[in-house]
């Protein structure tokens, strides 16, 4: 029983987050102001971005504070925002109160296309019976492009870097409920991996460059 508890605890501790990346930067950019362009992401994924405003009423019934929050409902768009948040916080920018420069991140392209494969032919020849047996009827290909734009302390543009990622999924009658979320997550990781390599190779951003 003790051995089982030890093994279970070890597995739980070793389990990684869905948003963990297949790389770890030994160098991070200095503390910066970071922004995620939620409106552009909503447009890219063609989903609704709802803007919620909050006001705190002071004396004389005049608002003394107002905040605005953009909410995105599409699950893939929400995953994209979380990936960007994790990348900014854990891999790209060093923590610190005094920031130098700024970086804005967004998703500028997202597309899913469906292609026929051998399973498509088999499903036609078997009059759909192959589909009931789990034979794929198509291949879904997910493409994502991530963008990071950098500015200096004076809000002057420095550079823009982009990364692209692609993932495939065999579509069957039994994986329709996933809505392509898993291949989208894979495509996001590959796009950020590509983006990160370009950022880390840019002498304007690393190797002691001042933003």
N, C-alpha and C. Protein backbone atom coordinates (compact mmCIF):
# COMPACT_ATOMS: atom_id res chain seq x y z
N UNK A 1 0.83 -1.20 0.00
CA UNK A 1 0.00 0.00 0.00
C UNK A 1 0.87 1.26 0.00
N UNK A 2 1.92 1.26 0.81
CA UNK A 2 2.83 2.39 0.89
C UNK A 2 3.51 2.62 -0.46
N UNK A 3 3.92 1.50 -1.12
CA UNK A 3 4.58 1.60 -2.42
C UNK A 3 3.63 2.23 -3.44
N UNK A 4 2.35 1.86 -3.40
CA UNK A 4 1.35 2.41 -4.31
C UNK A 4 1.19 3.91 -4.10
N UNK A 5 1.15 4.33 -2.83
CA UNK A 5 1.00 5.75 -2.54
C UNK A 5 2.20 6.55 -3.00
N UNK A 6 3.41 6.00 -2.83
CA UNK A 6 4.62 6.68 -3.25
C UNK A 6 4.64 6.83 -4.77
N UNK A 7 4.30 5.76 -5.50
CA UNK A 7 4.28 5.79 -6.96
C UNK A 7 3.25 6.78 -7.47
N UNK A 8 2.05 6.79 -6.85
CA UNK A 8 0.99 7.70 -7.26
C UNK A 8 1.40 9.14 -7.05
N UNK A 9 2.01 9.43 -5.90
CA UNK A 9 2.45 10.79 -5.61
C UNK A 9 3.51 11.25 -6.60
N UNK A 10 4.44 10.35 -6.93
CA UNK A 10 5.50 10.68 -7.88
C UNK A 10 4.93 10.99 -9.25
N UNK A 11 3.95 10.21 -9.71
CA UNK A 11 3.34 10.43 -11.01
C UNK A 11 2.60 11.76 -11.05
N UNK A 12 1.91 12.09 -9.96
CA UNK A 12 1.17 13.35 -9.91
C UNK A 12 2.12 14.54 -9.96
N UNK A 13 3.25 14.43 -9.25
CA UNK A 13 4.22 15.51 -9.23
C UNK A 13 4.91 15.66 -10.59
N UNK A 14 5.08 14.55 -11.30
CA UNK A 14 5.79 14.59 -12.58
C UNK A 14 4.89 15.01 -13.73
N UNK A 15 3.56 15.01 -13.52
CA UNK A 15 2.65 15.34 -14.61
C UNK A 15 2.80 16.80 -15.00
N UNK A 16 2.98 17.06 -16.28
CA UNK A 16 3.21 18.41 -16.76
C UNK A 16 1.90 19.06 -17.19
N UNK A 17 1.92 20.38 -17.19
CA UNK A 17 0.77 21.14 -17.65
C UNK A 17 0.57 20.94 -19.15
N UNK A 18 -0.67 21.03 -19.59
CA UNK A 18 -0.98 20.97 -21.01
C UNK A 18 -0.23 22.07 -21.76
N UNK A 19 0.01 23.18 -21.09
CA UNK A 19 0.62 24.34 -21.72
C UNK A 19 2.14 24.37 -21.57
N UNK A 20 2.74 23.26 -21.16
CA UNK A 20 4.19 23.16 -21.07
C UNK A 20 4.79 23.06 -22.48
N UNK A 21 5.91 23.74 -22.70
CA UNK A 21 6.53 23.77 -24.02
C UNK A 21 7.67 22.76 -24.12
N UNK A 22 8.00 22.30 -25.33
CA UNK A 22 9.07 21.31 -25.52
C UNK A 22 10.45 21.96 -25.54
N UNK A 23 10.62 23.06 -24.83
CA UNK A 23 11.91 23.74 -24.74
C UNK A 23 11.93 24.57 -23.47
N UNK A 24 13.11 24.99 -23.07
CA UNK A 24 13.25 25.87 -21.91
C UNK A 24 14.40 26.83 -22.18
N UNK A 25 14.10 28.11 -22.15
CA UNK A 25 15.11 29.11 -22.44
C UNK A 25 16.08 29.29 -21.27
N UNK A 26 17.36 29.20 -21.57
CA UNK A 26 18.37 29.49 -20.55
C UNK A 26 18.54 31.00 -20.37
N UNK A 27 18.16 31.75 -21.41
CA UNK A 27 18.21 33.21 -21.36
C UNK A 27 16.79 33.75 -21.55
N UNK A 28 16.44 34.76 -20.76
CA UNK A 28 15.14 35.40 -20.92
C UNK A 28 15.34 36.89 -21.13
N UNK A 29 14.41 37.50 -21.83
CA UNK A 29 14.46 38.93 -22.04
C UNK A 29 14.26 39.64 -20.70
N UNK A 30 14.77 40.88 -20.57
CA UNK A 30 14.59 41.63 -19.32
C UNK A 30 13.11 41.89 -19.06
N UNK A 31 12.75 42.29 -17.84
CA UNK A 31 11.34 42.58 -17.55
C UNK A 31 10.76 43.60 -18.54
N UNK A 32 9.61 43.28 -19.09
CA UNK A 32 8.96 44.12 -20.08
C UNK A 32 7.47 44.20 -19.80
N UNK A 33 6.84 45.23 -20.35
CA UNK A 33 5.39 45.29 -20.35
C UNK A 33 4.90 44.31 -21.41
N UNK A 34 3.93 43.47 -21.06
CA UNK A 34 3.46 42.44 -21.99
C UNK A 34 1.97 42.64 -22.26
N UNK A 35 1.59 42.43 -23.51
CA UNK A 35 0.21 42.59 -23.93
C UNK A 35 -0.18 41.43 -24.83
N UNK A 36 -1.41 40.97 -24.67
CA UNK A 36 -1.99 39.97 -25.57
C UNK A 36 -3.18 40.62 -26.27
N UNK A 37 -3.14 40.68 -27.57
CA UNK A 37 -4.16 41.36 -28.35
C UNK A 37 -5.39 40.46 -28.49
N UNK A 38 -6.28 40.54 -27.51
CA UNK A 38 -7.46 39.67 -27.49
C UNK A 38 -8.41 39.96 -28.64
N UNK A 39 -8.51 41.22 -29.04
CA UNK A 39 -9.43 41.56 -30.13
C UNK A 39 -8.97 40.94 -31.45
N UNK A 40 -7.67 40.99 -31.72
CA UNK A 40 -7.16 40.39 -32.96
C UNK A 40 -7.31 38.87 -32.93
N UNK A 41 -7.10 38.28 -31.76
CA UNK A 41 -7.28 36.82 -31.63
C UNK A 41 -8.73 36.46 -31.90
N UNK A 42 -9.66 37.25 -31.37
CA UNK A 42 -11.08 36.99 -31.62
C UNK A 42 -11.40 37.07 -33.11
N UNK A 43 -10.80 38.04 -33.80
CA UNK A 43 -11.02 38.16 -35.25
C UNK A 43 -10.41 36.99 -36.01
N UNK A 44 -9.20 36.56 -35.59
CA UNK A 44 -8.53 35.45 -36.27
C UNK A 44 -9.33 34.17 -36.17
N UNK A 45 -9.88 33.91 -34.98
CA UNK A 45 -10.65 32.68 -34.77
C UNK A 45 -12.13 32.87 -35.11
N UNK A 46 -12.48 34.06 -35.56
CA UNK A 46 -13.86 34.38 -35.93
C UNK A 46 -14.82 34.00 -34.81
N UNK A 47 -14.46 34.43 -33.61
CA UNK A 47 -15.31 34.17 -32.45
C UNK A 47 -15.72 35.49 -31.83
N UNK A 48 -16.67 35.44 -30.95
CA UNK A 48 -17.19 36.66 -30.33
C UNK A 48 -16.33 37.08 -29.15
N UNK A 49 -15.93 38.34 -29.13
CA UNK A 49 -15.21 38.89 -27.99
C UNK A 49 -16.13 39.86 -27.27
N UNK A 50 -16.57 39.49 -26.08
CA UNK A 50 -17.47 40.32 -25.31
C UNK A 50 -16.68 41.22 -24.37
N UNK A 51 -16.98 42.50 -24.36
CA UNK A 51 -16.27 43.46 -23.53
C UNK A 51 -17.12 43.78 -22.30
N UNK A 52 -16.58 43.47 -21.12
CA UNK A 52 -17.28 43.72 -19.87
C UNK A 52 -16.61 44.90 -19.16
N UNK A 53 -17.40 45.87 -18.73
CA UNK A 53 -16.87 47.04 -18.03
C UNK A 53 -17.35 47.06 -16.58
N UNK A 54 -16.46 47.48 -15.69
CA UNK A 54 -16.78 47.56 -14.27
C UNK A 54 -16.49 48.97 -13.79
N UNK A 55 -17.44 49.58 -13.10
CA UNK A 55 -17.24 50.91 -12.56
C UNK A 55 -17.42 50.88 -11.04
N UNK A 56 -16.54 51.60 -10.36
CA UNK A 56 -16.67 51.78 -8.91
C UNK A 56 -17.16 53.19 -8.66
N UNK A 57 -18.30 53.33 -8.01
CA UNK A 57 -18.92 54.63 -7.82
C UNK A 57 -18.42 55.25 -6.53
N UNK A 58 -17.95 56.51 -6.62
CA UNK A 58 -17.44 57.21 -5.45
C UNK A 58 -18.46 58.20 -4.93
N UNK A 59 -17.99 59.13 -4.11
CA UNK A 59 -18.86 60.16 -3.57
C UNK A 59 -19.40 61.02 -4.69
N UNK A 60 -20.66 61.41 -4.56
CA UNK A 60 -21.27 62.21 -5.61
C UNK A 60 -21.70 61.38 -6.80
N UNK A 61 -21.65 60.06 -6.64
CA UNK A 61 -22.09 59.14 -7.67
C UNK A 61 -21.31 59.28 -8.97
N UNK A 62 -20.07 59.72 -8.88
CA UNK A 62 -19.21 59.79 -10.06
C UNK A 62 -18.24 58.62 -10.06
N UNK A 63 -18.07 57.98 -11.22
CA UNK A 63 -17.16 56.82 -11.26
C UNK A 63 -15.72 57.26 -11.00
N UNK A 64 -15.06 56.55 -10.10
CA UNK A 64 -13.67 56.87 -9.78
C UNK A 64 -12.71 55.83 -10.34
N UNK A 65 -13.23 54.70 -10.78
CA UNK A 65 -12.37 53.68 -11.36
C UNK A 65 -13.17 52.88 -12.37
N UNK A 66 -12.56 52.56 -13.47
CA UNK A 66 -13.23 51.77 -14.50
C UNK A 66 -12.26 50.77 -15.10
N UNK A 67 -12.67 49.53 -15.19
CA UNK A 67 -11.84 48.50 -15.79
C UNK A 67 -12.62 47.82 -16.90
N UNK A 68 -11.91 47.28 -17.87
CA UNK A 68 -12.55 46.59 -18.99
C UNK A 68 -11.88 45.24 -19.19
N UNK A 69 -12.67 44.21 -19.43
CA UNK A 69 -12.16 42.87 -19.64
C UNK A 69 -12.77 42.29 -20.90
N UNK A 70 -11.95 41.73 -21.76
CA UNK A 70 -12.43 41.09 -22.98
C UNK A 70 -12.54 39.59 -22.75
N UNK A 71 -13.71 39.02 -23.00
CA UNK A 71 -13.95 37.60 -22.80
C UNK A 71 -14.14 36.92 -24.15
N UNK A 72 -13.41 35.82 -24.37
CA UNK A 72 -13.52 35.07 -25.61
C UNK A 72 -14.11 33.70 -25.29
N UNK A 73 -15.12 33.27 -26.05
CA UNK A 73 -15.85 32.06 -25.71
C UNK A 73 -15.32 30.81 -26.42
N UNK A 74 -14.68 30.95 -27.59
CA UNK A 74 -14.22 29.79 -28.34
C UNK A 74 -13.10 29.07 -27.60
N UNK A 75 -13.22 27.73 -27.46
CA UNK A 75 -12.26 26.98 -26.65
C UNK A 75 -10.86 27.02 -27.24
N UNK A 76 -10.74 26.97 -28.56
CA UNK A 76 -9.40 27.02 -29.18
C UNK A 76 -8.78 28.40 -29.02
N UNK A 77 -9.58 29.44 -29.14
CA UNK A 77 -9.07 30.79 -28.93
C UNK A 77 -8.63 30.98 -27.48
N UNK A 78 -9.38 30.41 -26.55
CA UNK A 78 -9.00 30.48 -25.14
C UNK A 78 -7.69 29.74 -24.88
N UNK A 79 -7.52 28.58 -25.52
CA UNK A 79 -6.26 27.84 -25.41
C UNK A 79 -5.11 28.68 -25.95
N UNK A 80 -5.36 29.36 -27.07
CA UNK A 80 -4.31 30.19 -27.68
C UNK A 80 -3.87 31.29 -26.72
N UNK A 81 -4.81 31.93 -26.06
CA UNK A 81 -4.48 32.98 -25.09
C UNK A 81 -3.66 32.41 -23.94
N UNK A 82 -4.05 31.24 -23.45
CA UNK A 82 -3.32 30.62 -22.33
C UNK A 82 -1.90 30.25 -22.75
N UNK A 83 -1.73 29.73 -23.96
CA UNK A 83 -0.39 29.40 -24.44
C UNK A 83 0.49 30.65 -24.46
N UNK A 84 -0.06 31.75 -24.95
CA UNK A 84 0.70 33.00 -25.00
C UNK A 84 1.04 33.48 -23.59
N UNK A 85 0.09 33.38 -22.68
CA UNK A 85 0.34 33.79 -21.30
C UNK A 85 1.46 32.96 -20.67
N UNK A 86 1.40 31.65 -20.84
CA UNK A 86 2.43 30.77 -20.27
C UNK A 86 3.79 31.06 -20.90
N UNK A 87 3.80 31.30 -22.20
CA UNK A 87 5.07 31.57 -22.87
C UNK A 87 5.69 32.87 -22.36
N UNK A 88 4.88 33.91 -22.25
CA UNK A 88 5.38 35.19 -21.76
C UNK A 88 5.91 35.08 -20.33
N UNK A 89 5.16 34.40 -19.48
CA UNK A 89 5.50 34.35 -18.07
C UNK A 89 6.63 33.38 -17.75
N UNK A 90 6.64 32.24 -18.43
CA UNK A 90 7.57 31.18 -18.05
C UNK A 90 8.82 31.09 -18.91
N UNK A 91 8.76 31.59 -20.14
CA UNK A 91 9.88 31.37 -21.05
C UNK A 91 10.49 32.64 -21.63
N UNK A 92 9.71 33.66 -21.89
CA UNK A 92 10.22 34.79 -22.66
C UNK A 92 10.75 35.94 -21.81
N UNK A 93 9.98 36.37 -20.83
CA UNK A 93 10.31 37.60 -20.10
C UNK A 93 10.66 37.30 -18.65
N UNK A 94 11.74 37.91 -18.17
CA UNK A 94 12.13 37.76 -16.77
C UNK A 94 11.17 38.53 -15.88
N UNK A 95 10.89 38.02 -14.68
CA UNK A 95 10.02 38.76 -13.76
C UNK A 95 10.74 39.98 -13.20
N UNK A 96 9.97 41.00 -12.88
CA UNK A 96 10.55 42.21 -12.30
C UNK A 96 9.58 43.36 -12.35
N UNK A 97 9.72 44.30 -11.41
CA UNK A 97 8.81 45.44 -11.33
C UNK A 97 9.19 46.55 -12.29
N UNK A 98 10.48 46.76 -12.50
CA UNK A 98 10.94 47.82 -13.40
C UNK A 98 11.08 47.26 -14.82
N UNK A 99 10.19 47.67 -15.69
CA UNK A 99 10.16 47.13 -17.04
C UNK A 99 10.92 48.02 -18.02
N UNK A 100 11.42 47.42 -19.06
CA UNK A 100 12.10 48.15 -20.13
C UNK A 100 11.56 47.66 -21.47
N UNK A 101 10.86 48.52 -22.17
CA UNK A 101 10.25 48.12 -23.43
C UNK A 101 8.96 47.35 -23.25
N UNK A 102 8.43 46.86 -24.36
CA UNK A 102 7.15 46.14 -24.33
C UNK A 102 7.10 45.12 -25.46
N UNK A 103 6.27 44.12 -25.26
CA UNK A 103 6.02 43.11 -26.30
C UNK A 103 4.52 42.85 -26.38
N UNK A 104 4.01 42.82 -27.59
CA UNK A 104 2.59 42.50 -27.83
C UNK A 104 2.52 41.21 -28.62
N UNK A 105 1.68 40.28 -28.17
CA UNK A 105 1.56 38.99 -28.84
C UNK A 105 0.14 38.76 -29.33
N UNK A 106 0.05 38.03 -30.43
CA UNK A 106 -1.26 37.73 -31.00
C UNK A 106 -1.18 36.49 -31.88
N UNK A 107 -2.34 36.03 -32.31
CA UNK A 107 -2.46 34.96 -33.30
C UNK A 107 -2.98 35.63 -34.57
N UNK A 108 -2.18 35.60 -35.64
CA UNK A 108 -2.56 36.32 -36.86
C UNK A 108 -3.15 35.39 -37.92
N UNK A 109 -3.05 34.08 -37.69
CA UNK A 109 -3.64 33.15 -38.67
C UNK A 109 -4.03 31.85 -37.98
N UNK A 110 -5.22 31.39 -38.32
CA UNK A 110 -5.70 30.08 -37.85
C UNK A 110 -6.61 29.50 -38.92
N UNK A 111 -6.36 28.24 -39.28
CA UNK A 111 -7.18 27.61 -40.31
C UNK A 111 -7.17 26.09 -40.14
N UNK A 112 -8.30 25.48 -40.38
CA UNK A 112 -8.42 24.02 -40.38
C UNK A 112 -8.97 23.59 -41.73
N UNK A 113 -8.25 22.71 -42.42
CA UNK A 113 -8.74 22.19 -43.69
C UNK A 113 -8.83 20.67 -43.61
N UNK A 114 -9.74 20.10 -44.38
CA UNK A 114 -10.00 18.67 -44.34
C UNK A 114 -9.63 18.05 -45.70
N UNK A 115 -8.84 17.01 -45.64
CA UNK A 115 -8.39 16.33 -46.86
C UNK A 115 -8.81 14.87 -46.85
N UNK A 116 -9.09 14.37 -48.04
CA UNK A 116 -9.43 12.95 -48.15
C UNK A 116 -8.17 12.12 -47.95
N UNK A 117 -8.36 10.88 -47.51
CA UNK A 117 -7.24 9.95 -47.35
C UNK A 117 -7.71 8.56 -47.75
N UNK A 118 -6.89 7.57 -47.49
CA UNK A 118 -7.25 6.20 -47.86
C UNK A 118 -8.51 5.75 -47.14
N UNK A 119 -8.68 6.24 -45.91
CA UNK A 119 -9.88 5.88 -45.15
C UNK A 119 -11.15 6.40 -45.81
N UNK A 120 -11.05 7.54 -46.47
CA UNK A 120 -12.20 8.09 -47.19
C UNK A 120 -12.68 7.11 -48.26
N UNK A 121 -11.71 6.58 -49.01
CA UNK A 121 -12.04 5.61 -50.07
C UNK A 121 -12.65 4.35 -49.48
N UNK A 122 -12.06 3.85 -48.38
CA UNK A 122 -12.56 2.62 -47.75
C UNK A 122 -13.97 2.81 -47.22
N UNK A 123 -14.25 4.00 -46.69
CA UNK A 123 -15.60 4.25 -46.19
C UNK A 123 -16.62 4.27 -47.32
N UNK A 124 -16.22 4.78 -48.48
CA UNK A 124 -17.12 4.79 -49.63
C UNK A 124 -17.35 3.37 -50.13
N UNK A 125 -16.26 2.59 -50.24
CA UNK A 125 -16.37 1.22 -50.75
C UNK A 125 -17.18 0.32 -49.82
N UNK A 126 -17.14 0.60 -48.52
CA UNK A 126 -17.87 -0.24 -47.55
C UNK A 126 -19.23 0.35 -47.20
N UNK A 127 -19.63 1.39 -47.95
CA UNK A 127 -20.94 2.03 -47.73
C UNK A 127 -21.09 2.54 -46.29
N UNK A 128 -20.01 3.04 -45.74
CA UNK A 128 -20.06 3.64 -44.40
C UNK A 128 -19.78 2.69 -43.26
N UNK A 129 -19.69 1.40 -43.53
CA UNK A 129 -19.44 0.43 -42.46
C UNK A 129 -18.04 0.65 -41.86
N UNK A 130 -17.08 1.03 -42.72
CA UNK A 130 -15.73 1.29 -42.23
C UNK A 130 -15.71 2.40 -41.20
N UNK A 131 -16.56 3.40 -41.40
CA UNK A 131 -16.64 4.50 -40.43
C UNK A 131 -17.12 4.03 -39.08
N UNK A 132 -18.07 3.11 -39.07
CA UNK A 132 -18.57 2.55 -37.81
C UNK A 132 -17.50 1.74 -37.09
N UNK A 133 -16.55 1.20 -37.86
CA UNK A 133 -15.47 0.42 -37.27
C UNK A 133 -14.30 1.30 -36.84
N UNK A 134 -14.43 2.61 -37.04
CA UNK A 134 -13.39 3.52 -36.60
C UNK A 134 -12.38 3.91 -37.65
N UNK A 135 -12.61 3.53 -38.90
CA UNK A 135 -11.69 3.92 -39.98
C UNK A 135 -11.83 5.42 -40.22
N UNK A 136 -10.73 6.18 -40.27
CA UNK A 136 -10.79 7.63 -40.50
C UNK A 136 -11.45 7.95 -41.84
N UNK A 137 -12.29 8.97 -41.86
CA UNK A 137 -12.94 9.37 -43.09
C UNK A 137 -12.28 10.61 -43.72
N UNK A 138 -11.37 11.26 -42.99
CA UNK A 138 -10.67 12.43 -43.52
C UNK A 138 -9.50 12.77 -42.61
N UNK A 139 -8.64 13.67 -43.07
CA UNK A 139 -7.53 14.18 -42.27
C UNK A 139 -7.72 15.67 -42.09
N UNK A 140 -7.74 16.12 -40.84
CA UNK A 140 -7.86 17.54 -40.54
C UNK A 140 -6.46 18.12 -40.32
N UNK A 141 -6.17 19.22 -40.99
CA UNK A 141 -4.87 19.87 -40.88
C UNK A 141 -5.08 21.26 -40.28
N UNK A 142 -4.45 21.50 -39.14
CA UNK A 142 -4.58 22.77 -38.43
C UNK A 142 -3.31 23.59 -38.61
N UNK A 143 -3.46 24.82 -39.05
CA UNK A 143 -2.34 25.75 -39.21
C UNK A 143 -2.54 26.96 -38.30
N UNK A 144 -1.45 27.37 -37.65
CA UNK A 144 -1.48 28.52 -36.74
C UNK A 144 -0.25 29.37 -36.99
N UNK A 145 -0.41 30.69 -36.92
CA UNK A 145 0.73 31.61 -36.99
C UNK A 145 0.67 32.57 -35.81
N UNK A 146 1.76 32.62 -35.05
CA UNK A 146 1.87 33.45 -33.86
C UNK A 146 2.76 34.64 -34.16
N UNK A 147 2.44 35.78 -33.58
CA UNK A 147 3.21 37.01 -33.83
C UNK A 147 3.59 37.69 -32.53
N UNK A 148 4.83 38.18 -32.47
CA UNK A 148 5.31 38.98 -31.33
C UNK A 148 5.92 40.26 -31.86
N UNK A 149 5.44 41.41 -31.38
CA UNK A 149 5.95 42.71 -31.80
C UNK A 149 6.60 43.40 -30.60
N UNK A 150 7.80 43.92 -30.80
CA UNK A 150 8.58 44.50 -29.71
C UNK A 150 8.73 46.01 -29.89
N UNK A 151 8.70 46.73 -28.76
CA UNK A 151 8.85 48.18 -28.72
C UNK A 151 9.88 48.55 -27.65
N UNK A 152 10.53 49.71 -27.83
CA UNK A 152 11.48 50.15 -26.82
C UNK A 152 10.78 51.00 -25.77
N UNK A 153 11.58 51.63 -24.88
CA UNK A 153 11.01 52.43 -23.79
C UNK A 153 10.20 53.62 -24.29
N UNK A 154 10.53 54.09 -25.48
CA UNK A 154 9.83 55.24 -26.05
C UNK A 154 8.65 54.82 -26.92
N UNK A 155 8.29 53.56 -26.83
CA UNK A 155 7.18 52.99 -27.61
C UNK A 155 7.47 53.03 -29.11
N UNK A 156 8.75 52.98 -29.47
CA UNK A 156 9.15 52.94 -30.87
C UNK A 156 9.33 51.49 -31.29
N UNK A 157 8.78 51.16 -32.45
CA UNK A 157 8.83 49.79 -32.97
C UNK A 157 10.26 49.30 -33.15
N UNK A 158 10.54 48.07 -32.70
CA UNK A 158 11.86 47.46 -32.87
C UNK A 158 11.81 46.39 -33.96
N UNK A 159 10.97 45.39 -33.76
CA UNK A 159 10.89 44.29 -34.72
C UNK A 159 9.63 43.47 -34.47
N UNK A 160 9.25 42.68 -35.48
CA UNK A 160 8.16 41.71 -35.37
C UNK A 160 8.70 40.35 -35.78
N UNK A 161 8.42 39.35 -34.97
CA UNK A 161 8.80 37.98 -35.29
C UNK A 161 7.53 37.12 -35.33
N UNK A 162 7.55 36.14 -36.24
CA UNK A 162 6.38 35.25 -36.37
C UNK A 162 6.83 33.79 -36.37
N UNK A 163 5.96 32.94 -35.88
CA UNK A 163 6.22 31.51 -35.87
C UNK A 163 5.00 30.76 -36.38
N UNK A 164 5.23 29.70 -37.15
CA UNK A 164 4.12 28.93 -37.71
C UNK A 164 4.17 27.50 -37.18
N UNK A 165 3.00 26.91 -37.04
CA UNK A 165 2.90 25.52 -36.58
C UNK A 165 1.77 24.80 -37.29
N UNK A 166 1.96 23.49 -37.49
CA UNK A 166 0.94 22.68 -38.16
C UNK A 166 0.79 21.36 -37.42
N UNK A 167 -0.44 20.87 -37.38
CA UNK A 167 -0.71 19.55 -36.78
C UNK A 167 -1.82 18.87 -37.56
N UNK A 168 -1.76 17.53 -37.59
CA UNK A 168 -2.77 16.74 -38.30
C UNK A 168 -3.54 15.85 -37.34
N UNK A 169 -4.78 15.55 -37.70
CA UNK A 169 -5.60 14.63 -36.92
C UNK A 169 -6.45 13.80 -37.86
N UNK A 170 -6.42 12.48 -37.69
CA UNK A 170 -7.30 11.60 -38.45
C UNK A 170 -8.70 11.69 -37.86
N UNK A 171 -9.66 12.03 -38.67
CA UNK A 171 -11.03 12.23 -38.19
C UNK A 171 -11.82 10.93 -38.31
N UNK A 172 -12.43 10.56 -37.20
CA UNK A 172 -13.30 9.39 -37.17
C UNK A 172 -14.62 9.78 -36.51
N UNK A 173 -15.57 8.86 -36.55
CA UNK A 173 -16.86 9.13 -35.90
C UNK A 173 -16.72 9.23 -34.39
N UNK A 174 -15.60 8.79 -33.86
CA UNK A 174 -15.46 8.68 -32.42
C UNK A 174 -14.55 9.75 -31.81
N UNK A 175 -14.07 10.68 -32.62
CA UNK A 175 -13.30 11.77 -32.02
C UNK A 175 -13.86 13.14 -32.41
N UNK A 176 -15.12 13.15 -32.81
CA UNK A 176 -15.75 14.41 -33.20
C UNK A 176 -15.89 15.36 -32.02
N UNK A 177 -16.03 14.81 -30.81
CA UNK A 177 -16.27 15.64 -29.62
C UNK A 177 -15.07 16.51 -29.26
N UNK A 178 -13.89 16.15 -29.74
CA UNK A 178 -12.69 16.94 -29.39
C UNK A 178 -12.68 18.30 -30.08
N UNK A 179 -13.46 18.45 -31.16
CA UNK A 179 -13.54 19.71 -31.91
C UNK A 179 -12.18 20.22 -32.39
N UNK A 180 -11.25 19.29 -32.59
CA UNK A 180 -9.94 19.70 -33.07
C UNK A 180 -9.08 20.39 -32.04
N UNK A 181 -9.43 20.28 -30.76
CA UNK A 181 -8.69 21.01 -29.72
C UNK A 181 -7.27 20.49 -29.57
N UNK A 182 -7.08 19.17 -29.59
CA UNK A 182 -5.75 18.59 -29.38
C UNK A 182 -4.79 18.95 -30.52
N UNK A 183 -5.18 18.77 -31.81
CA UNK A 183 -4.25 19.20 -32.87
C UNK A 183 -3.98 20.69 -32.83
N UNK A 184 -4.96 21.48 -32.41
CA UNK A 184 -4.72 22.93 -32.28
C UNK A 184 -3.68 23.20 -31.22
N UNK A 185 -3.73 22.49 -30.10
CA UNK A 185 -2.72 22.65 -29.05
C UNK A 185 -1.34 22.28 -29.57
N UNK A 186 -1.25 21.20 -30.34
CA UNK A 186 0.04 20.79 -30.91
C UNK A 186 0.55 21.85 -31.88
N UNK A 187 -0.34 22.39 -32.71
CA UNK A 187 0.06 23.42 -33.66
C UNK A 187 0.54 24.68 -32.93
N UNK A 188 -0.12 25.02 -31.82
CA UNK A 188 0.28 26.18 -31.03
C UNK A 188 1.69 25.99 -30.47
N UNK A 189 1.96 24.80 -29.92
CA UNK A 189 3.29 24.54 -29.36
C UNK A 189 4.36 24.65 -30.43
N UNK A 190 4.09 24.13 -31.62
CA UNK A 190 5.07 24.18 -32.70
C UNK A 190 5.27 25.60 -33.20
N UNK A 191 4.18 26.38 -33.25
CA UNK A 191 4.29 27.77 -33.69
C UNK A 191 5.11 28.58 -32.70
N UNK A 192 4.88 28.38 -31.40
CA UNK A 192 5.64 29.13 -30.39
C UNK A 192 7.08 28.66 -30.36
N UNK A 193 7.32 27.38 -30.59
CA UNK A 193 8.69 26.87 -30.69
C UNK A 193 9.43 27.57 -31.83
N UNK A 194 8.77 27.69 -32.98
CA UNK A 194 9.36 28.37 -34.14
C UNK A 194 9.59 29.85 -33.84
N UNK A 195 8.60 30.50 -33.23
CA UNK A 195 8.72 31.91 -32.86
C UNK A 195 9.86 32.13 -31.88
N UNK A 196 9.94 31.27 -30.87
CA UNK A 196 10.96 31.42 -29.83
C UNK A 196 12.37 31.32 -30.42
N UNK A 197 12.57 30.40 -31.35
CA UNK A 197 13.88 30.25 -31.97
C UNK A 197 14.29 31.52 -32.71
N UNK A 198 13.33 32.18 -33.36
CA UNK A 198 13.63 33.41 -34.10
C UNK A 198 13.93 34.57 -33.14
N UNK A 199 13.18 34.62 -32.03
CA UNK A 199 13.43 35.69 -31.05
C UNK A 199 14.80 35.53 -30.42
N UNK A 200 15.13 34.29 -30.03
CA UNK A 200 16.39 34.06 -29.36
C UNK A 200 17.60 34.23 -30.29
N UNK A 201 17.36 34.24 -31.61
CA UNK A 201 18.44 34.45 -32.58
C UNK A 201 18.55 35.90 -33.04
N UNK A 202 17.67 36.77 -32.53
CA UNK A 202 17.64 38.16 -32.96
C UNK A 202 18.55 39.01 -32.07
N UNK A 203 19.66 39.54 -32.59
CA UNK A 203 20.58 40.31 -31.76
C UNK A 203 19.99 41.61 -31.24
N UNK A 204 18.89 42.07 -31.83
CA UNK A 204 18.23 43.28 -31.33
C UNK A 204 17.49 43.02 -30.01
N UNK A 205 17.25 41.74 -29.72
CA UNK A 205 16.47 41.40 -28.53
C UNK A 205 17.29 40.69 -27.45
N UNK A 206 18.33 40.00 -27.86
CA UNK A 206 19.12 39.21 -26.89
C UNK A 206 20.57 39.68 -26.90
N UNK A 207 21.40 38.93 -26.22
CA UNK A 207 22.85 39.21 -26.15
C UNK A 207 23.11 40.62 -25.64
N UNK A 208 22.35 40.99 -24.59
CA UNK A 208 22.61 42.27 -23.93
C UNK A 208 22.06 43.48 -24.67
N UNK A 209 21.27 43.23 -25.72
CA UNK A 209 20.70 44.37 -26.44
C UNK A 209 19.76 45.16 -25.54
N UNK A 210 19.82 46.46 -25.59
CA UNK A 210 18.97 47.31 -24.77
C UNK A 210 17.71 47.65 -25.53
N UNK A 211 16.56 47.40 -24.88
CA UNK A 211 15.28 47.70 -25.53
C UNK A 211 14.83 49.11 -25.21
